[in-house]
Amino acid sequence: MKRKATYSLKLPLSIKKAAQRLAQEDGVSLNQWIASAVAEKVGVVETAAEFFKKRAGKRTGDGLMEFLRSAPNVAPEPDDMR
């Protein structure tokens, strides 16, 4: 059996109403819908963190500031401002 924890959640009314509508459209309770939404967000964040960790490999940020200091001090191109 999965253990469950209770958490009192305060949402802005507009968010709660939108979540209630979406839960109803999905045919689930608001509690189930919020639990699913939180689980989805946790998965996305953990996947992104793992991706960047793998991408970085053994590299660290030690030389990052030195690299940034060596960048030319020029105004952005017009297309960079969009």
N, C-alpha and C. Protein backbone atom coordinates (compact mmCIF):
# COMPACT_ATOMS: atom_id res chain seq x y z
N MET A 1 0.84 -1.17 0.00
CA MET A 1 0.00 0.00 0.00
C MET A 1 0.89 1.25 0.00
N LYS A 2 0.53 2.23 -0.83
CA LYS A 2 1.29 3.48 -0.89
C LYS A 2 0.91 4.36 0.29
N ARG A 3 1.92 4.96 0.90
CA ARG A 3 1.67 5.88 2.00
C ARG A 3 1.31 7.24 1.42
N LYS A 4 0.42 7.93 2.06
CA LYS A 4 -0.01 9.24 1.60
C LYS A 4 0.17 10.25 2.71
N ALA A 5 0.48 11.47 2.32
CA ALA A 5 0.62 12.56 3.27
C ALA A 5 -0.46 13.60 2.99
N THR A 6 -0.90 14.25 4.02
CA THR A 6 -1.89 15.30 3.88
C THR A 6 -1.18 16.64 3.89
N TYR A 7 -1.60 17.52 2.99
CA TYR A 7 -1.00 18.83 2.89
C TYR A 7 -2.09 19.85 2.59
N SER A 8 -2.19 20.85 3.43
CA SER A 8 -3.18 21.90 3.21
C SER A 8 -2.62 22.85 2.15
N LEU A 9 -3.36 23.03 1.08
CA LEU A 9 -2.88 23.82 -0.05
C LEU A 9 -3.76 25.04 -0.24
N LYS A 10 -3.14 26.21 -0.30
CA LYS A 10 -3.88 27.44 -0.55
C LYS A 10 -3.54 27.92 -1.95
N LEU A 11 -4.56 28.05 -2.78
CA LEU A 11 -4.38 28.48 -4.16
C LEU A 11 -5.14 29.78 -4.40
N PRO A 12 -4.65 30.61 -5.32
CA PRO A 12 -5.47 31.74 -5.74
C PRO A 12 -6.78 31.18 -6.31
N LEU A 13 -7.87 31.87 -6.09
CA LEU A 13 -9.18 31.39 -6.50
C LEU A 13 -9.22 31.08 -8.00
N SER A 14 -8.59 31.92 -8.81
CA SER A 14 -8.62 31.69 -10.26
C SER A 14 -7.93 30.38 -10.64
N ILE A 15 -6.84 30.05 -9.96
CA ILE A 15 -6.13 28.80 -10.23
C ILE A 15 -6.97 27.62 -9.77
N LYS A 16 -7.59 27.75 -8.60
CA LYS A 16 -8.42 26.66 -8.09
C LYS A 16 -9.59 26.38 -9.03
N LYS A 17 -10.24 27.44 -9.51
CA LYS A 17 -11.36 27.25 -10.42
C LYS A 17 -10.92 26.59 -11.72
N ALA A 18 -9.78 27.01 -12.24
CA ALA A 18 -9.26 26.40 -13.47
C ALA A 18 -8.93 24.92 -13.22
N ALA A 19 -8.31 24.62 -12.09
CA ALA A 19 -7.96 23.23 -11.76
C ALA A 19 -9.23 22.39 -11.58
N GLN A 20 -10.25 22.96 -10.95
CA GLN A 20 -11.52 22.23 -10.78
C GLN A 20 -12.14 21.92 -12.14
N ARG A 21 -12.10 22.90 -13.03
CA ARG A 21 -12.68 22.70 -14.37
C ARG A 21 -11.92 21.60 -15.12
N LEU A 22 -10.60 21.66 -15.06
CA LEU A 22 -9.79 20.66 -15.77
C LEU A 22 -9.96 19.27 -15.16
N ALA A 23 -10.06 19.21 -13.84
CA ALA A 23 -10.29 17.92 -13.17
C ALA A 23 -11.62 17.33 -13.61
N GLN A 24 -12.63 18.18 -13.66
CA GLN A 24 -13.96 17.72 -14.09
C GLN A 24 -13.91 17.22 -15.54
N GLU A 25 -13.20 17.96 -16.40
CA GLU A 25 -13.06 17.54 -17.80
C GLU A 25 -12.35 16.19 -17.91
N ASP A 26 -11.40 15.95 -17.00
CA ASP A 26 -10.67 14.68 -17.00
C ASP A 26 -11.43 13.57 -16.27
N GLY A 27 -12.50 13.94 -15.59
CA GLY A 27 -13.30 12.95 -14.87
C GLY A 27 -12.65 12.44 -13.60
N VAL A 28 -11.86 13.28 -12.95
CA VAL A 28 -11.20 12.89 -11.70
C VAL A 28 -11.50 13.95 -10.64
N SER A 29 -11.19 13.61 -9.40
CA SER A 29 -11.38 14.58 -8.32
C SER A 29 -10.30 15.66 -8.42
N LEU A 30 -10.57 16.78 -7.78
CA LEU A 30 -9.58 17.86 -7.75
C LEU A 30 -8.30 17.37 -7.09
N ASN A 31 -8.43 16.60 -6.02
CA ASN A 31 -7.26 16.05 -5.34
C ASN A 31 -6.42 15.18 -6.28
N GLN A 32 -7.08 14.30 -7.02
CA GLN A 32 -6.35 13.44 -7.97
C GLN A 32 -5.68 14.27 -9.05
N TRP A 33 -6.39 15.29 -9.53
CA TRP A 33 -5.84 16.11 -10.60
C TRP A 33 -4.61 16.87 -10.13
N ILE A 34 -4.68 17.45 -8.92
CA ILE A 34 -3.53 18.18 -8.37
C ILE A 34 -2.36 17.24 -8.11
N ALA A 35 -2.63 16.05 -7.57
CA ALA A 35 -1.56 15.08 -7.33
C ALA A 35 -0.87 14.70 -8.64
N SER A 36 -1.66 14.51 -9.68
CA SER A 36 -1.10 14.16 -10.99
C SER A 36 -0.28 15.32 -11.55
N ALA A 37 -0.78 16.55 -11.40
CA ALA A 37 -0.06 17.72 -11.90
C ALA A 37 1.28 17.89 -11.17
N VAL A 38 1.28 17.68 -9.86
CA VAL A 38 2.52 17.79 -9.09
C VAL A 38 3.49 16.69 -9.50
N ALA A 39 2.99 15.46 -9.68
CA ALA A 39 3.85 14.35 -10.10
C ALA A 39 4.46 14.63 -11.47
N GLU A 40 3.67 15.21 -12.37
CA GLU A 40 4.17 15.54 -13.70
C GLU A 40 5.28 16.58 -13.60
N LYS A 41 5.09 17.60 -12.79
CA LYS A 41 6.10 18.66 -12.63
C LYS A 41 7.37 18.10 -12.01
N VAL A 42 7.23 17.24 -11.00
CA VAL A 42 8.40 16.63 -10.37
C VAL A 42 9.19 15.83 -11.41
N GLY A 43 8.49 15.07 -12.24
CA GLY A 43 9.16 14.30 -13.28
C GLY A 43 9.90 15.16 -14.27
N VAL A 44 9.30 16.26 -14.68
CA VAL A 44 9.94 17.17 -15.63
C VAL A 44 11.19 17.79 -15.02
N VAL A 45 11.09 18.27 -13.80
CA VAL A 45 12.23 18.92 -13.15
C VAL A 45 13.36 17.91 -12.92
N GLU A 46 13.01 16.72 -12.44
CA GLU A 46 14.05 15.71 -12.21
C GLU A 46 14.69 15.26 -13.51
N THR A 47 13.91 15.15 -14.57
CA THR A 47 14.46 14.77 -15.87
C THR A 47 15.41 15.84 -16.38
N ALA A 48 15.01 17.11 -16.25
CA ALA A 48 15.86 18.21 -16.70
C ALA A 48 17.15 18.25 -15.89
N ALA A 49 17.05 18.07 -14.59
CA ALA A 49 18.24 18.10 -13.74
C ALA A 49 19.20 16.98 -14.14
N GLU A 50 18.67 15.80 -14.40
CA GLU A 50 19.51 14.67 -14.80
C GLU A 50 20.15 14.94 -16.16
N PHE A 51 19.40 15.53 -17.08
CA PHE A 51 19.93 15.86 -18.40
C PHE A 51 21.14 16.79 -18.26
N PHE A 52 20.99 17.87 -17.48
CA PHE A 52 22.08 18.83 -17.36
C PHE A 52 23.26 18.25 -16.59
N LYS A 53 22.97 17.37 -15.64
CA LYS A 53 24.05 16.72 -14.90
C LYS A 53 24.87 15.84 -15.84
N LYS A 54 24.18 15.06 -16.68
CA LYS A 54 24.89 14.22 -17.66
C LYS A 54 25.63 15.06 -18.67
N ARG A 55 25.00 16.14 -19.11
CA ARG A 55 25.60 17.01 -20.12
C ARG A 55 26.89 17.65 -19.59
N ALA A 56 26.88 18.03 -18.31
CA ALA A 56 28.05 18.66 -17.72
C ALA A 56 29.19 17.66 -17.51
N GLY A 57 28.84 16.40 -17.32
CA GLY A 57 29.87 15.39 -17.08
C GLY A 57 30.66 15.74 -15.83
N LYS A 58 31.97 15.73 -15.95
CA LYS A 58 32.83 16.03 -14.80
C LYS A 58 33.21 17.51 -14.73
N ARG A 59 32.71 18.28 -15.67
CA ARG A 59 33.04 19.71 -15.67
C ARG A 59 32.36 20.41 -14.49
N THR A 60 33.01 21.45 -14.03
CA THR A 60 32.45 22.27 -12.95
C THR A 60 32.37 23.71 -13.44
N GLY A 61 31.83 24.57 -12.64
CA GLY A 61 31.71 25.98 -13.00
C GLY A 61 32.92 26.80 -12.62
N ASP A 62 34.01 26.14 -12.21
CA ASP A 62 35.19 26.86 -11.73
C ASP A 62 35.71 27.89 -12.74
N GLY A 63 35.74 27.56 -14.01
CA GLY A 63 36.29 28.48 -15.00
C GLY A 63 35.26 29.37 -15.66
N LEU A 64 34.02 29.28 -15.22
CA LEU A 64 32.94 30.02 -15.88
C LEU A 64 33.12 31.52 -15.79
N MET A 65 33.41 32.04 -14.61
CA MET A 65 33.57 33.50 -14.47
C MET A 65 34.75 34.00 -15.28
N GLU A 66 35.81 33.25 -15.32
CA GLU A 66 36.97 33.65 -16.13
C GLU A 66 36.58 33.69 -17.61
N PHE A 67 35.83 32.70 -18.04
CA PHE A 67 35.36 32.67 -19.43
C PHE A 67 34.46 33.87 -19.73
N LEU A 68 33.54 34.17 -18.82
CA LEU A 68 32.63 35.30 -19.03
C LEU A 68 33.37 36.63 -19.03
N ARG A 69 34.39 36.76 -18.21
CA ARG A 69 35.19 38.00 -18.17
C ARG A 69 35.93 38.22 -19.49
N SER A 70 36.21 37.14 -20.21
CA SER A 70 36.95 37.27 -21.48
C SER A 70 36.04 37.61 -22.65
N ALA A 71 34.73 37.64 -22.43
CA ALA A 71 33.79 37.96 -23.51
C ALA A 71 33.94 39.44 -23.87
N PRO A 72 33.80 39.77 -25.15
CA PRO A 72 33.93 41.17 -25.55
C PRO A 72 32.80 42.03 -24.96
N ASN A 73 33.13 43.27 -24.63
CA ASN A 73 32.17 44.19 -24.05
C ASN A 73 31.56 45.02 -25.19
N VAL A 74 30.56 44.45 -25.85
CA VAL A 74 29.92 45.12 -26.98
C VAL A 74 28.41 45.14 -26.77
N ALA A 75 27.76 46.10 -27.43
CA ALA A 75 26.31 46.19 -27.34
C ALA A 75 25.69 45.00 -28.07
N PRO A 76 24.50 44.55 -27.62
CA PRO A 76 23.85 43.43 -28.30
C PRO A 76 23.43 43.81 -29.72
N GLU A 77 23.38 42.82 -30.58
CA GLU A 77 22.88 43.03 -31.94
C GLU A 77 21.39 43.30 -31.85
N PRO A 78 20.81 44.02 -32.82
CA PRO A 78 19.36 44.30 -32.79
C PRO A 78 18.51 43.03 -32.66
N ASP A 79 18.91 41.96 -33.32
CA ASP A 79 18.14 40.71 -33.25
C ASP A 79 18.22 40.04 -31.88
N ASP A 80 19.24 40.38 -31.09
CA ASP A 80 19.38 39.80 -29.76
C ASP A 80 18.35 40.35 -28.77
N MET A 81 17.75 41.46 -29.12
CA MET A 81 16.83 42.14 -28.20
C MET A 81 15.40 41.62 -28.33
N ARG A 82 15.15 40.70 -29.21
CA ARG A 82 13.79 40.19 -29.39
C ARG A 82 13.51 39.05 -28.48
